[in-house]
Amino acid sequence: MDRIQIASFLPVPEEALETIRAVDPRIDIHRVSQNLARYIREPRHPRVDSAAALAEAREIRSRDAIWFTFGFGDLAIGAPALEWVALASAGADQALRFPPDEHVQITKMPGLAARVIAEWVLGFMLMDCKRFPQYLEQQRLAQWRSGSPVSLEGATVGVIGYGAIGAEIAHLCQGFDAEVVGIRRRACADGAPPEDAPPCVRAVWPPDRLHAVLAESDYVVLGTPLTEATRQMIGADELAAMKPGAALINIARGEIVNWEAMIAALNDGSLRACYTDVASPEPLPDGHPDWSTPNLIVTPHNSGLQPDYFGKAAHRFAENLRRYIDGEPLLDPVDRAAGY
């Protein structure tokens, strides 16, 4: 009986690994070393043992049919044993940057972090409308000055990339009486919202209505996957099309925005504020001048983090693993042509 060889690139808790092993007695799980994981991210890091990393990579490529991972650099190109890459993320750009051979299946996990990312978005919207950044800066300067806080009630939230995360954002907006308009590649031409959308969703439009949505939104939330079609989709023209006084929120990828145009707009005041969980470059280097850009708040790509993230990912992976073993179609396949 052939063994089912799996390489786990993720820090999955042991009890969650047992959930995976329980799918089939033939399963062998091999934890990827921290040395190789660091080599993939930073091959020239002084703590990396390059020779050991390359030896481990050769073993994984020749042995493991399944990789459970966020990313893998260029290791998958031409990997002889590889049959399936199971991404523990909603996005697939990191896998398609150096794609495995065409016969290799790639799956993703949309919605796994939708709730906590939506909470991040709502947290910054509330922080913004209540002017917390202003008050925190005043406290740092030991100043007591009144501001002009506003309410989310009646605000228009434009969600660019209305998918699982956008739907969660809409559900939270419903509780604050904010209105949501969206952009989605597969939207109806008449803007009809999805059947399961909460009442606060007024319309979800195709991409050709992007500028119209930007012009009416008090908060523009970027949640679209990074593809060739969406790379730098928010440039100088789109920033200029935004409603005066609107704020930009990015929980997608830094490359969705023309970063230089965004920084210029923040510096000259034409963009009031930006809250971003991503950057370009990413990570934003220590001491980079953009850290001091006015009205820019950057978090270190952690909006999706939550208790037991990898345990939850392992449970979803286990269900797809059962389908793989039984010869059934895998859930949430990545469309290589679409880029997600």
C-alpha atoms as a PDB file:
ATOM      1  CA  MET A   1       0.000   0.000   0.000  1.00  0.00           C
ATOM      2  CA  ASP A   2       1.586   3.280  -1.160  1.00  0.00           C
ATOM      3  CA  ARG A   3       2.168   5.936   1.446  1.00  0.00           C
ATOM      4  CA  ILE A   4       0.574   9.391   1.067  1.00  0.00           C
ATOM      5  CA  GLN A   5       3.430  11.837   1.538  1.00  0.00           C
ATOM      6  CA  ILE A   6       2.590  15.374   2.698  1.00  0.00           C
ATOM      7  CA  ALA A   7       4.959  18.285   3.310  1.00  0.00           C
ATOM      8  CA  SER A   8       3.601  20.798   5.834  1.00  0.00           C
ATOM      9  CA  PHE A   9       5.209  24.211   5.446  1.00  0.00           C
ATOM     10  CA  LEU A  10       2.975  25.580   8.223  1.00  0.00           C
ATOM     11  CA  PRO A  11       3.240  25.578  12.052  1.00  0.00           C
ATOM     12  CA  VAL A  12       0.215  23.321  12.451  1.00  0.00           C
ATOM     13  CA  PRO A  13      -0.452  22.222  16.067  1.00  0.00           C
ATOM     14  CA  GLU A  14       0.121  18.539  16.743  1.00  0.00           C
ATOM     15  CA  GLU A  15      -3.545  17.900  17.575  1.00  0.00           C
ATOM     16  CA  ALA A  16      -4.537  19.358  14.197  1.00  0.00           C
ATOM     17  CA  LEU A  17      -1.953  17.154  12.473  1.00  0.00           C
ATOM     18  CA  GLU A  18      -3.701  14.202  14.091  1.00  0.00           C
ATOM     19  CA  THR A  19      -6.916  15.323  12.390  1.00  0.00           C
ATOM     20  CA  ILE A  20      -5.093  15.109   9.074  1.00  0.00           C
ATOM     21  CA  ARG A  21      -3.532  11.718   9.856  1.00  0.00           C
ATOM     22  CA  ALA A  22      -6.963  10.371  10.844  1.00  0.00           C
ATOM     23  CA  VAL A  23      -8.146  10.725   7.252  1.00  0.00           C
ATOM     24  CA  ASP A  24      -6.133   7.679   6.137  1.00  0.00           C
ATOM     25  CA  PRO A  25      -3.616   5.349   7.862  1.00  0.00           C
ATOM     26  CA  ARG A  26      -1.214   5.689   4.918  1.00  0.00           C
ATOM     27  CA  ILE A  27      -0.553   9.381   5.571  1.00  0.00           C
ATOM     28  CA  ASP A  28       2.956  10.556   6.414  1.00  0.00           C
ATOM     29  CA  ILE A  29       3.381  14.241   7.315  1.00  0.00           C
ATOM     30  CA  HIS A  30       6.800  15.853   7.061  1.00  0.00           C
ATOM     31  CA  ARG A  31       7.278  19.207   8.778  1.00  0.00           C
ATOM     32  CA  VAL A  32       9.379  21.622   6.743  1.00  0.00           C
ATOM     33  CA  SER A  33      12.263  22.975   8.808  1.00  0.00           C
ATOM     34  CA  GLN A  34      12.495  26.607   9.852  1.00  0.00           C
ATOM     35  CA  ASN A  35      15.797  26.713   8.013  1.00  0.00           C
ATOM     36  CA  LEU A  36      14.159  25.893   4.668  1.00  0.00           C
ATOM     37  CA  ALA A  37      11.182  28.173   5.373  1.00  0.00           C
ATOM     38  CA  ARG A  38      13.575  31.057   6.008  1.00  0.00           C
ATOM     39  CA  TYR A  39      15.649  30.145   2.951  1.00  0.00           C
ATOM     40  CA  ILE A  40      12.510  30.445   0.786  1.00  0.00           C
ATOM     41  CA  ARG A  41      11.809  33.939   2.165  1.00  0.00           C
ATOM     42  CA  GLU A  42      15.364  35.214   2.593  1.00  0.00           C
ATOM     43  CA  PRO A  43      17.967  32.958   0.947  1.00  0.00           C
ATOM     44  CA  ARG A  44      20.834  35.250   1.974  1.00  0.00           C
ATOM     45  CA  HIS A  45      19.836  35.489   5.633  1.00  0.00           C
ATOM     46  CA  PRO A  46      22.919  35.002   7.828  1.00  0.00           C
ATOM     47  CA  ARG A  47      21.212  32.264   9.873  1.00  0.00           C
ATOM     48  CA  VAL A  48      20.326  30.169   6.823  1.00  0.00           C
ATOM     49  CA  ASP A  49      22.265  26.979   6.159  1.00  0.00           C
ATOM     50  CA  SER A  50      21.930  27.012   2.381  1.00  0.00           C
ATOM     51  CA  ALA A  51      23.364  23.553   1.822  1.00  0.00           C
ATOM     52  CA  ALA A  52      20.946  21.975   4.321  1.00  0.00           C
ATOM     53  CA  ALA A  53      18.008  23.935   2.876  1.00  0.00           C
ATOM     54  CA  LEU A  54      18.763  22.813  -0.674  1.00  0.00           C
ATOM     55  CA  ALA A  55      19.153  19.191   0.424  1.00  0.00           C
ATOM     56  CA  GLU A  56      15.795  19.303   2.221  1.00  0.00           C
ATOM     57  CA  ALA A  57      14.171  20.947  -0.793  1.00  0.00           C
ATOM     58  CA  ARG A  58      15.433  18.164  -3.078  1.00  0.00           C
ATOM     59  CA  GLU A  59      13.962  15.572  -0.716  1.00  0.00           C
ATOM     60  CA  ILE A  60      10.562  17.294  -0.583  1.00  0.00           C
ATOM     61  CA  ARG A  61      10.421  17.725  -4.352  1.00  0.00           C
ATOM     62  CA  SER A  62      11.175  14.061  -4.984  1.00  0.00           C
ATOM     63  CA  ARG A  63       9.060  12.566  -2.149  1.00  0.00           C
ATOM     64  CA  ASP A  64       5.971  14.623  -1.286  1.00  0.00           C
ATOM     65  CA  ALA A  65       2.905  14.560  -3.523  1.00  0.00           C
ATOM     66  CA  ILE A  66       1.032  17.125  -1.418  1.00  0.00           C
ATOM     67  CA  TRP A  67       2.258  20.454  -0.061  1.00  0.00           C
ATOM     68  CA  PHE A  68       0.231  22.214   2.669  1.00  0.00           C
ATOM     69  CA  THR A  69       1.503  25.777   2.619  1.00  0.00           C
ATOM     70  CA  PHE A  70       1.156  29.534   2.180  1.00  0.00           C
ATOM     71  CA  GLY A  71       3.999  29.761  -0.318  1.00  0.00           C
ATOM     72  CA  PHE A  72       7.061  27.910  -1.528  1.00  0.00           C
ATOM     73  CA  GLY A  73       9.151  30.230  -3.680  1.00  0.00           C
ATOM     74  CA  ASP A  74      10.257  28.462  -6.843  1.00  0.00           C
ATOM     75  CA  LEU A  75      10.501  24.983  -5.275  1.00  0.00           C
ATOM     76  CA  ALA A  76       7.431  23.640  -7.079  1.00  0.00           C
ATOM     77  CA  ILE A  77       8.713  24.248 -10.595  1.00  0.00           C
ATOM     78  CA  GLY A  78       9.337  20.825 -12.104  1.00  0.00           C
ATOM     79  CA  ALA A  79       8.943  19.025  -8.744  1.00  0.00           C
ATOM     80  CA  PRO A  80       8.684  15.368  -9.861  1.00  0.00           C
ATOM     81  CA  ALA A  81       6.512  14.034  -7.016  1.00  0.00           C
ATOM     82  CA  LEU A  82       4.176  17.010  -6.620  1.00  0.00           C
ATOM     83  CA  GLU A  83       0.482  16.489  -7.433  1.00  0.00           C
ATOM     84  CA  TRP A  84      -1.386  19.010  -5.276  1.00  0.00           C
ATOM     85  CA  VAL A  85      -0.584  22.320  -3.564  1.00  0.00           C
ATOM     86  CA  ALA A  86      -3.074  23.099  -0.778  1.00  0.00           C
ATOM     87  CA  LEU A  87      -2.829  26.802   0.049  1.00  0.00           C
ATOM     88  CA  ALA A  88      -3.994  27.862   3.505  1.00  0.00           C
ATOM     89  CA  SER A  89      -4.926  31.305   2.169  1.00  0.00           C
ATOM     90  CA  ALA A  90      -7.614  32.948   0.073  1.00  0.00           C
ATOM     91  CA  GLY A  91      -5.103  34.429  -2.367  1.00  0.00           C
ATOM     92  CA  ALA A  92      -3.046  32.421  -4.833  1.00  0.00           C
ATOM     93  CA  ASP A  93      -0.668  35.027  -6.254  1.00  0.00           C
ATOM     94  CA  GLN A  94       2.211  33.678  -4.169  1.00  0.00           C
ATOM     95  CA  ALA A  95       1.761  30.239  -5.766  1.00  0.00           C
ATOM     96  CA  LEU A  96       1.282  31.523  -9.316  1.00  0.00           C
ATOM     97  CA  ARG A  97       4.394  33.698  -9.202  1.00  0.00           C
ATOM     98  CA  PHE A  98       6.440  30.504  -9.685  1.00  0.00           C
ATOM     99  CA  PRO A  99       3.689  28.070 -10.712  1.00  0.00           C
ATOM    100  CA  PRO A 100       4.030  24.307 -10.496  1.00  0.00           C
ATOM    101  CA  ASP A 101       3.572  22.198 -13.615  1.00  0.00           C
ATOM    102  CA  GLU A 102       0.138  22.281 -15.265  1.00  0.00           C
ATOM    103  CA  HIS A 103      -0.883  18.833 -14.012  1.00  0.00           C
ATOM    104  CA  VAL A 104      -0.455  19.948 -10.379  1.00  0.00           C
ATOM    105  CA  GLN A 105      -3.721  20.927  -8.708  1.00  0.00           C
ATOM    106  CA  ILE A 106      -3.771  24.116  -6.611  1.00  0.00           C
ATOM    107  CA  THR A 107      -6.478  24.835  -4.054  1.00  0.00           C
ATOM    108  CA  LYS A 108      -7.119  27.777  -1.754  1.00  0.00           C
ATOM    109  CA  MET A 109      -9.150  28.469   1.393  1.00  0.00           C
ATOM    110  CA  PRO A 110     -11.449  31.437   0.738  1.00  0.00           C
ATOM    111  CA  GLY A 111     -13.257  32.789   3.755  1.00  0.00           C
ATOM    112  CA  LEU A 112     -11.048  31.134   6.368  1.00  0.00           C
ATOM    113  CA  ALA A 113     -10.086  34.536   7.777  1.00  0.00           C
ATOM    114  CA  ALA A 114     -13.058  36.518   6.464  1.00  0.00           C
ATOM    115  CA  ARG A 115     -14.541  37.345   9.856  1.00  0.00           C
ATOM    116  CA  VAL A 116     -11.352  38.571  11.510  1.00  0.00           C
ATOM    117  CA  ILE A 117     -10.323  40.584   8.441  1.00  0.00           C
ATOM    118  CA  ALA A 118     -13.768  42.201   8.410  1.00  0.00           C
ATOM    119  CA  GLU A 119     -13.280  43.056  12.087  1.00  0.00           C
ATOM    120  CA  TRP A 120      -9.944  44.686  11.198  1.00  0.00           C
ATOM    121  CA  VAL A 121     -11.671  46.783   8.526  1.00  0.00           C
ATOM    122  CA  LEU A 122     -14.494  47.828  10.834  1.00  0.00           C
ATOM    123  CA  GLY A 123     -12.005  48.572  13.602  1.00  0.00           C
ATOM    124  CA  PHE A 124     -10.138  51.034  11.427  1.00  0.00           C
ATOM    125  CA  MET A 125     -13.338  52.562  10.054  1.00  0.00           C
ATOM    126  CA  LEU A 126     -14.495  53.207  13.616  1.00  0.00           C
ATOM    127  CA  MET A 127     -11.067  54.486  14.608  1.00  0.00           C
ATOM    128  CA  ASP A 128     -11.119  56.819  11.612  1.00  0.00           C
ATOM    129  CA  CYS A 129     -14.601  58.240  12.018  1.00  0.00           C
ATOM    130  CA  LYS A 130     -14.031  58.800  15.748  1.00  0.00           C
ATOM    131  CA  ARG A 131     -10.687  60.489  14.913  1.00  0.00           C
ATOM    132  CA  PHE A 132      -8.656  58.249  17.221  1.00  0.00           C
ATOM    133  CA  PRO A 133      -5.379  58.773  15.309  1.00  0.00           C
ATOM    134  CA  GLN A 134      -5.739  62.521  15.904  1.00  0.00           C
ATOM    135  CA  TYR A 135      -6.430  62.050  19.617  1.00  0.00           C
ATOM    136  CA  LEU A 136      -3.577  59.593  20.076  1.00  0.00           C
ATOM    137  CA  GLU A 137      -1.182  62.076  18.488  1.00  0.00           C
ATOM    138  CA  GLN A 138      -2.564  64.837  20.721  1.00  0.00           C
ATOM    139  CA  GLN A 139      -1.995  62.658  23.774  1.00  0.00           C
ATOM    140  CA  ARG A 140       1.580  62.023  22.666  1.00  0.00           C
ATOM    141  CA  LEU A 141       2.040  65.813  22.493  1.00  0.00           C
ATOM    142  CA  ALA A 142       0.169  66.338  25.797  1.00  0.00           C
ATOM    143  CA  GLN A 143      -2.489  68.445  24.089  1.00  0.00           C
ATOM    144  CA  TRP A 144      -6.216  68.685  24.931  1.00  0.00           C
ATOM    145  CA  ARG A 145      -8.140  69.690  21.812  1.00  0.00           C
ATOM    146  CA  SER A 146     -11.625  68.821  20.673  1.00  0.00           C
ATOM    147  CA  GLY A 147     -12.064  67.201  17.273  1.00  0.00           C
ATOM    148  CA  SER A 148     -14.938  66.562  14.877  1.00  0.00           C
ATOM    149  CA  PRO A 149     -15.882  62.875  15.112  1.00  0.00           C
ATOM    150  CA  VAL A 150     -18.544  61.507  12.781  1.00  0.00           C
ATOM    151  CA  SER A 151     -20.650  58.335  12.636  1.00  0.00           C
ATOM    152  CA  LEU A 152     -20.660  55.285  10.413  1.00  0.00           C
ATOM    153  CA  GLU A 153     -24.431  55.639  10.209  1.00  0.00           C
ATOM    154  CA  GLY A 154     -25.247  56.648   6.654  1.00  0.00           C
ATOM    155  CA  ALA A 155     -21.678  56.177   5.399  1.00  0.00           C
ATOM    156  CA  THR A 156     -21.127  54.484   2.055  1.00  0.00           C
ATOM    157  CA  VAL A 157     -18.552  51.684   2.051  1.00  0.00           C
ATOM    158  CA  GLY A 158     -17.228  50.689  -1.356  1.00  0.00           C
ATOM    159  CA  VAL A 159     -15.875  47.136  -1.373  1.00  0.00           C
ATOM    160  CA  ILE A 160     -13.619  46.510  -4.360  1.00  0.00           C
ATOM    161  CA  GLY A 161     -13.598  42.728  -4.693  1.00  0.00           C
ATOM    162  CA  TYR A 162     -16.877  41.709  -3.067  1.00  0.00           C
ATOM    163  CA  GLY A 163     -16.203  38.081  -2.120  1.00  0.00           C
ATOM    164  CA  ALA A 164     -16.214  36.175   1.162  1.00  0.00           C
ATOM    165  CA  ILE A 165     -14.395  38.970   3.009  1.00  0.00           C
ATOM    166  CA  GLY A 166     -16.572  41.646   1.425  1.00  0.00           C
ATOM    167  CA  ALA A 167     -19.689  39.781   2.499  1.00  0.00           C
ATOM    168  CA  GLU A 168     -18.460  39.690   6.105  1.00  0.00           C
ATOM    169  CA  ILE A 169     -17.663  43.410   5.954  1.00  0.00           C
ATOM    170  CA  ALA A 170     -21.213  44.016   4.735  1.00  0.00           C
ATOM    171  CA  HIS A 171     -22.709  41.973   7.593  1.00  0.00           C
ATOM    172  CA  LEU A 172     -20.792  44.089  10.112  1.00  0.00           C
ATOM    173  CA  CYS A 173     -21.726  47.323   8.324  1.00  0.00           C
ATOM    174  CA  GLN A 174     -25.371  46.318   8.642  1.00  0.00           C
ATOM    175  CA  GLY A 175     -25.142  46.754  12.405  1.00  0.00           C
ATOM    176  CA  PHE A 176     -23.920  50.347  11.996  1.00  0.00           C
ATOM    177  CA  ASP A 177     -26.522  51.372   9.393  1.00  0.00           C
ATOM    178  CA  ALA A 178     -23.799  51.948   6.804  1.00  0.00           C
ATOM    179  CA  GLU A 179     -24.505  51.262   3.137  1.00  0.00           C
ATOM    180  CA  VAL A 180     -22.343  48.997   0.987  1.00  0.00           C
ATOM    181  CA  VAL A 181     -21.695  49.112  -2.746  1.00  0.00           C
ATOM    182  CA  GLY A 182     -19.355  46.619  -4.325  1.00  0.00           C
ATOM    183  CA  ILE A 183     -17.301  45.715  -7.362  1.00  0.00           C
ATOM    184  CA  ARG A 184     -17.023  42.086  -8.416  1.00  0.00           C
ATOM    185  CA  ARG A 185     -15.741  40.492 -11.619  1.00  0.00           C
ATOM    186  CA  ARG A 186     -18.748  38.185 -11.916  1.00  0.00           C
ATOM    187  CA  ALA A 187     -21.363  40.767 -10.881  1.00  0.00           C
ATOM    188  CA  CYS A 188     -24.679  41.247 -12.669  1.00  0.00           C
ATOM    189  CA  ALA A 189     -24.715  44.080 -15.204  1.00  0.00           C
ATOM    190  CA  ASP A 190     -27.666  45.673 -13.394  1.00  0.00           C
ATOM    191  CA  GLY A 191     -25.804  45.723 -10.074  1.00  0.00           C
ATOM    192  CA  ALA A 192     -28.155  43.284  -8.340  1.00  0.00           C
ATOM    193  CA  PRO A 193     -26.568  42.161  -5.032  1.00  0.00           C
ATOM    194  CA  PRO A 194     -25.981  38.449  -4.342  1.00  0.00           C
ATOM    195  CA  GLU A 195     -29.060  36.695  -2.987  1.00  0.00           C
ATOM    196  CA  ASP A 196     -27.465  36.177   0.434  1.00  0.00           C
ATOM    197  CA  ALA A 197     -26.277  39.785   0.800  1.00  0.00           C
ATOM    198  CA  PRO A 198     -27.533  41.704   3.854  1.00  0.00           C
ATOM    199  CA  PRO A 199     -30.029  44.540   3.268  1.00  0.00           C
ATOM    200  CA  CYS A 200     -27.309  47.200   3.564  1.00  0.00           C
ATOM    201  CA  VAL A 201     -25.775  46.076   0.239  1.00  0.00           C
ATOM    202  CA  ARG A 202     -27.331  48.412  -2.325  1.00  0.00           C
ATOM    203  CA  ALA A 203     -25.498  47.156  -5.397  1.00  0.00           C
ATOM    204  CA  VAL A 204     -22.581  45.028  -6.575  1.00  0.00           C
ATOM    205  CA  TRP A 205     -21.333  46.181  -9.958  1.00  0.00           C
ATOM    206  CA  PRO A 206     -18.960  44.800 -12.615  1.00  0.00           C
ATOM    207  CA  PRO A 207     -15.449  46.330 -12.797  1.00  0.00           C
ATOM    208  CA  ASP A 208     -16.449  48.901 -15.423  1.00  0.00           C
ATOM    209  CA  ARG A 209     -18.296  50.809 -12.679  1.00  0.00           C
ATOM    210  CA  LEU A 210     -15.164  51.179 -10.527  1.00  0.00           C
ATOM    211  CA  HIS A 211     -14.880  54.960 -10.860  1.00  0.00           C
ATOM    212  CA  ALA A 212     -18.562  55.450 -10.035  1.00  0.00           C
ATOM    213  CA  VAL A 213     -18.174  53.404  -6.841  1.00  0.00           C
ATOM    214  CA  LEU A 214     -15.022  55.316  -5.901  1.00  0.00           C
ATOM    215  CA  ALA A 215     -16.821  58.626  -6.375  1.00  0.00           C
ATOM    216  CA  GLU A 216     -19.610  57.819  -3.903  1.00  0.00           C
ATOM    217  CA  SER A 217     -17.730  55.906  -1.193  1.00  0.00           C
ATOM    218  CA  ASP A 218     -16.702  57.379   2.142  1.00  0.00           C
ATOM    219  CA  TYR A 219     -14.499  54.313   2.700  1.00  0.00           C
ATOM    220  CA  VAL A 220     -12.937  52.382  -0.184  1.00  0.00           C
ATOM    221  CA  VAL A 221     -11.978  48.865   0.897  1.00  0.00           C
ATOM    222  CA  LEU A 222      -9.663  46.862  -1.361  1.00  0.00           C
ATOM    223  CA  GLY A 223     -10.301  43.132  -1.069  1.00  0.00           C
ATOM    224  CA  THR A 224      -9.619  41.914  -4.580  1.00  0.00           C
ATOM    225  CA  PRO A 225      -7.120  39.141  -5.371  1.00  0.00           C
ATOM    226  CA  LEU A 226      -3.851  40.164  -6.984  1.00  0.00           C
ATOM    227  CA  THR A 227      -3.889  39.229 -10.661  1.00  0.00           C
ATOM    228  CA  GLU A 228      -2.511  40.811 -13.807  1.00  0.00           C
ATOM    229  CA  ALA A 229      -5.898  42.512 -14.221  1.00  0.00           C
ATOM    230  CA  THR A 230      -5.882  44.018 -10.716  1.00  0.00           C
ATOM    231  CA  ARG A 231      -2.206  44.899 -10.333  1.00  0.00           C
ATOM    232  CA  GLN A 232      -2.054  48.678  -9.683  1.00  0.00           C
ATOM    233  CA  MET A 233      -5.763  48.985 -10.473  1.00  0.00           C
ATOM    234  CA  ILE A 234      -5.872  51.919  -8.029  1.00  0.00           C
ATOM    235  CA  GLY A 235      -3.605  54.498  -9.621  1.00  0.00           C
ATOM    236  CA  ALA A 236      -3.466  58.281  -9.774  1.00  0.00           C
ATOM    237  CA  ASP A 237      -6.672  58.516 -11.819  1.00  0.00           C
ATOM    238  CA  GLU A 238      -8.586  56.279  -9.408  1.00  0.00           C
ATOM    239  CA  LEU A 239      -7.305  58.147  -6.365  1.00  0.00           C
ATOM    240  CA  ALA A 240      -8.420  61.389  -7.994  1.00  0.00           C
ATOM    241  CA  ALA A 241     -11.843  59.840  -8.664  1.00  0.00           C
ATOM    242  CA  MET A 242     -12.406  59.097  -4.971  1.00  0.00           C
ATOM    243  CA  LYS A 243     -14.918  61.164  -3.037  1.00  0.00           C
ATOM    244  CA  PRO A 244     -13.231  64.163  -1.392  1.00  0.00           C
ATOM    245  CA  GLY A 245     -12.450  63.316   2.229  1.00  0.00           C
ATOM    246  CA  ALA A 246     -12.718  59.548   1.686  1.00  0.00           C
ATOM    247  CA  ALA A 247     -10.304  57.059   3.235  1.00  0.00           C
ATOM    248  CA  LEU A 248      -8.649  54.077   1.565  1.00  0.00           C
ATOM    249  CA  ILE A 249      -8.429  50.693   3.326  1.00  0.00           C
ATOM    250  CA  ASN A 250      -6.310  47.896   1.842  1.00  0.00           C
ATOM    251  CA  ILE A 251      -6.511  44.311   3.089  1.00  0.00           C
ATOM    252  CA  ALA A 252      -5.616  42.782  -0.302  1.00  0.00           C
ATOM    253  CA  ARG A 253      -2.058  43.212  -1.581  1.00  0.00           C
ATOM    254  CA  GLY A 254       0.203  46.239  -1.734  1.00  0.00           C
ATOM    255  CA  GLU A 255       0.542  45.863  -5.505  1.00  0.00           C
ATOM    256  CA  ILE A 256      -3.195  46.446  -6.019  1.00  0.00           C
ATOM    257  CA  VAL A 257      -2.354  50.133  -5.527  1.00  0.00           C
ATOM    258  CA  ASN A 258       0.149  52.283  -7.327  1.00  0.00           C
ATOM    259  CA  TRP A 259       2.031  52.795  -4.077  1.00  0.00           C
ATOM    260  CA  GLU A 260       3.962  55.871  -5.222  1.00  0.00           C
ATOM    261  CA  ALA A 261       0.759  57.579  -6.401  1.00  0.00           C
ATOM    262  CA  MET A 262      -0.918  56.785  -3.076  1.00  0.00           C
ATOM    263  CA  ILE A 263       1.997  58.200  -1.069  1.00  0.00           C
ATOM    264  CA  ALA A 264       1.969  61.337  -3.233  1.00  0.00           C
ATOM    265  CA  ALA A 265      -1.777  61.758  -2.660  1.00  0.00           C
ATOM    266  CA  LEU A 266      -1.336  61.407   1.100  1.00  0.00           C
ATOM    267  CA  ASN A 267       1.539  63.865   1.113  1.00  0.00           C
ATOM    268  CA  ASP A 268      -0.366  66.532  -0.824  1.00  0.00           C
ATOM    269  CA  GLY A 269      -3.607  65.926   1.088  1.00  0.00           C
ATOM    270  CA  SER A 270      -5.734  64.859  -1.868  1.00  0.00           C
ATOM    271  CA  LEU A 271      -6.171  61.481  -0.118  1.00  0.00           C
ATOM    272  CA  ARG A 272      -7.269  62.098   3.468  1.00  0.00           C
ATOM    273  CA  ALA A 273      -6.139  58.796   5.007  1.00  0.00           C
ATOM    274  CA  CYS A 274      -5.050  55.255   4.210  1.00  0.00           C
ATOM    275  CA  TYR A 275      -5.201  52.217   6.492  1.00  0.00           C
ATOM    276  CA  THR A 276      -3.290  49.316   4.998  1.00  0.00           C
ATOM    277  CA  ASP A 277      -2.406  45.830   6.176  1.00  0.00           C
ATOM    278  CA  VAL A 278      -0.092  45.365   3.192  1.00  0.00           C
ATOM    279  CA  ALA A 279       2.712  47.324   1.576  1.00  0.00           C
ATOM    280  CA  SER A 280       4.852  47.682  -1.508  1.00  0.00           C
ATOM    281  CA  PRO A 281       7.565  46.690  -0.944  1.00  0.00           C
ATOM    282  CA  GLU A 282       6.529  44.178   1.690  1.00  0.00           C
ATOM    283  CA  PRO A 283       7.658  44.097   4.355  1.00  0.00           C
ATOM    284  CA  LEU A 284       8.130  47.843   4.408  1.00  0.00           C
ATOM    285  CA  PRO A 285      11.814  48.111   5.394  1.00  0.00           C
ATOM    286  CA  ASP A 286      12.915  49.538   8.726  1.00  0.00           C
ATOM    287  CA  GLY A 287      13.611  53.241   8.364  1.00  0.00           C
ATOM    288  CA  HIS A 288      11.787  53.503   5.017  1.00  0.00           C
ATOM    289  CA  PRO A 289      10.573  57.094   4.413  1.00  0.00           C
ATOM    290  CA  ASP A 290       6.986  55.915   3.879  1.00  0.00           C
ATOM    291  CA  TRP A 291       6.727  55.095   7.595  1.00  0.00           C
ATOM    292  CA  SER A 292       6.460  58.838   8.239  1.00  0.00           C
ATOM    293  CA  THR A 293       3.866  59.556   5.537  1.00  0.00           C
ATOM    294  CA  PRO A 294       1.063  61.671   7.022  1.00  0.00           C
ATOM    295  CA  ASN A 295      -2.247  59.879   7.639  1.00  0.00           C
ATOM    296  CA  LEU A 296      -0.845  56.485   6.652  1.00  0.00           C
ATOM    297  CA  ILE A 297      -1.352  53.667   9.156  1.00  0.00           C
ATOM    298  CA  VAL A 298       0.355  50.382   8.304  1.00  0.00           C
ATOM    299  CA  THR A 299      -0.110  47.029  10.028  1.00  0.00           C
ATOM    300  CA  PRO A 300       2.213  44.069   9.287  1.00  0.00           C
ATOM    301  CA  HIS A 301      -0.080  41.913   7.102  1.00  0.00           C
ATOM    302  CA  ASN A 302      -1.735  40.367  10.136  1.00  0.00           C
ATOM    303  CA  SER A 303      -5.423  41.218   9.680  1.00  0.00           C
ATOM    304  CA  GLY A 304      -6.190  37.540   9.029  1.00  0.00           C
ATOM    305  CA  LEU A 305      -4.455  36.197  12.120  1.00  0.00           C
ATOM    306  CA  GLN A 306      -6.703  34.586  14.702  1.00  0.00           C
ATOM    307  CA  PRO A 307      -6.556  31.987  17.469  1.00  0.00           C
ATOM    308  CA  ASP A 308      -5.975  28.505  16.012  1.00  0.00           C
ATOM    309  CA  TYR A 309      -5.731  29.718  12.408  1.00  0.00           C
ATOM    310  CA  PHE A 310      -3.595  26.755  11.419  1.00  0.00           C
ATOM    311  CA  GLY A 311      -5.845  24.339  13.279  1.00  0.00           C
ATOM    312  CA  LYS A 312      -8.837  25.628  11.331  1.00  0.00           C
ATOM    313  CA  ALA A 313      -6.855  25.424   8.097  1.00  0.00           C
ATOM    314  CA  ALA A 314      -5.892  21.833   8.927  1.00  0.00           C
ATOM    315  CA  HIS A 315      -9.525  20.806   9.391  1.00  0.00           C
ATOM    316  CA  ARG A 316     -10.437  22.265   5.998  1.00  0.00           C
ATOM    317  CA  PHE A 317      -7.385  20.631   4.447  1.00  0.00           C
ATOM    318  CA  ALA A 318      -8.410  17.272   5.921  1.00  0.00           C
ATOM    319  CA  GLU A 319     -11.769  17.408   4.135  1.00  0.00           C
ATOM    320  CA  ASN A 320     -10.096  18.139   0.805  1.00  0.00           C
ATOM    321  CA  LEU A 321      -7.521  15.426   1.516  1.00  0.00           C
ATOM    322  CA  ARG A 322     -10.310  12.881   1.898  1.00  0.00           C
ATOM    323  CA  ARG A 323     -11.656  13.979  -1.503  1.00  0.00           C
ATOM    324  CA  TYR A 324      -8.179  13.697  -3.028  1.00  0.00           C
ATOM    325  CA  ILE A 325      -7.758  10.150  -1.735  1.00  0.00           C
ATOM    326  CA  ASP A 326     -11.256   9.133  -2.894  1.00  0.00           C
ATOM    327  CA  GLY A 327     -10.710  10.600  -6.353  1.00  0.00           C
ATOM    328  CA  GLU A 328     -13.360  13.308  -5.938  1.00  0.00           C
ATOM    329  CA  PRO A 329     -13.021  16.870  -7.279  1.00  0.00           C
ATOM    330  CA  LEU A 330     -11.178  19.110  -4.819  1.00  0.00           C
ATOM    331  CA  LEU A 331     -12.935  22.043  -3.205  1.00  0.00           C
ATOM    332  CA  ASP A 332     -11.879  25.631  -3.994  1.00  0.00           C
ATOM    333  CA  PRO A 333      -9.568  25.017  -6.954  1.00  0.00           C
ATOM    334  CA  VAL A 334      -7.421  27.911  -8.140  1.00  0.00           C
ATOM    335  CA  ASP A 335      -8.227  29.147 -11.635  1.00  0.00           C
ATOM    336  CA  ARG A 336      -4.764  29.661 -13.096  1.00  0.00           C
ATOM    337  CA  ALA A 337      -6.085  31.727 -16.011  1.00  0.00           C
ATOM    338  CA  ALA A 338      -8.027  34.082 -13.706  1.00  0.00           C
ATOM    339  CA  GLY A 339      -5.147  34.229 -11.214  1.00  0.00           C
ATOM    340  CA  TYR A 340      -7.082  33.177  -8.088  1.00  0.00           C
END
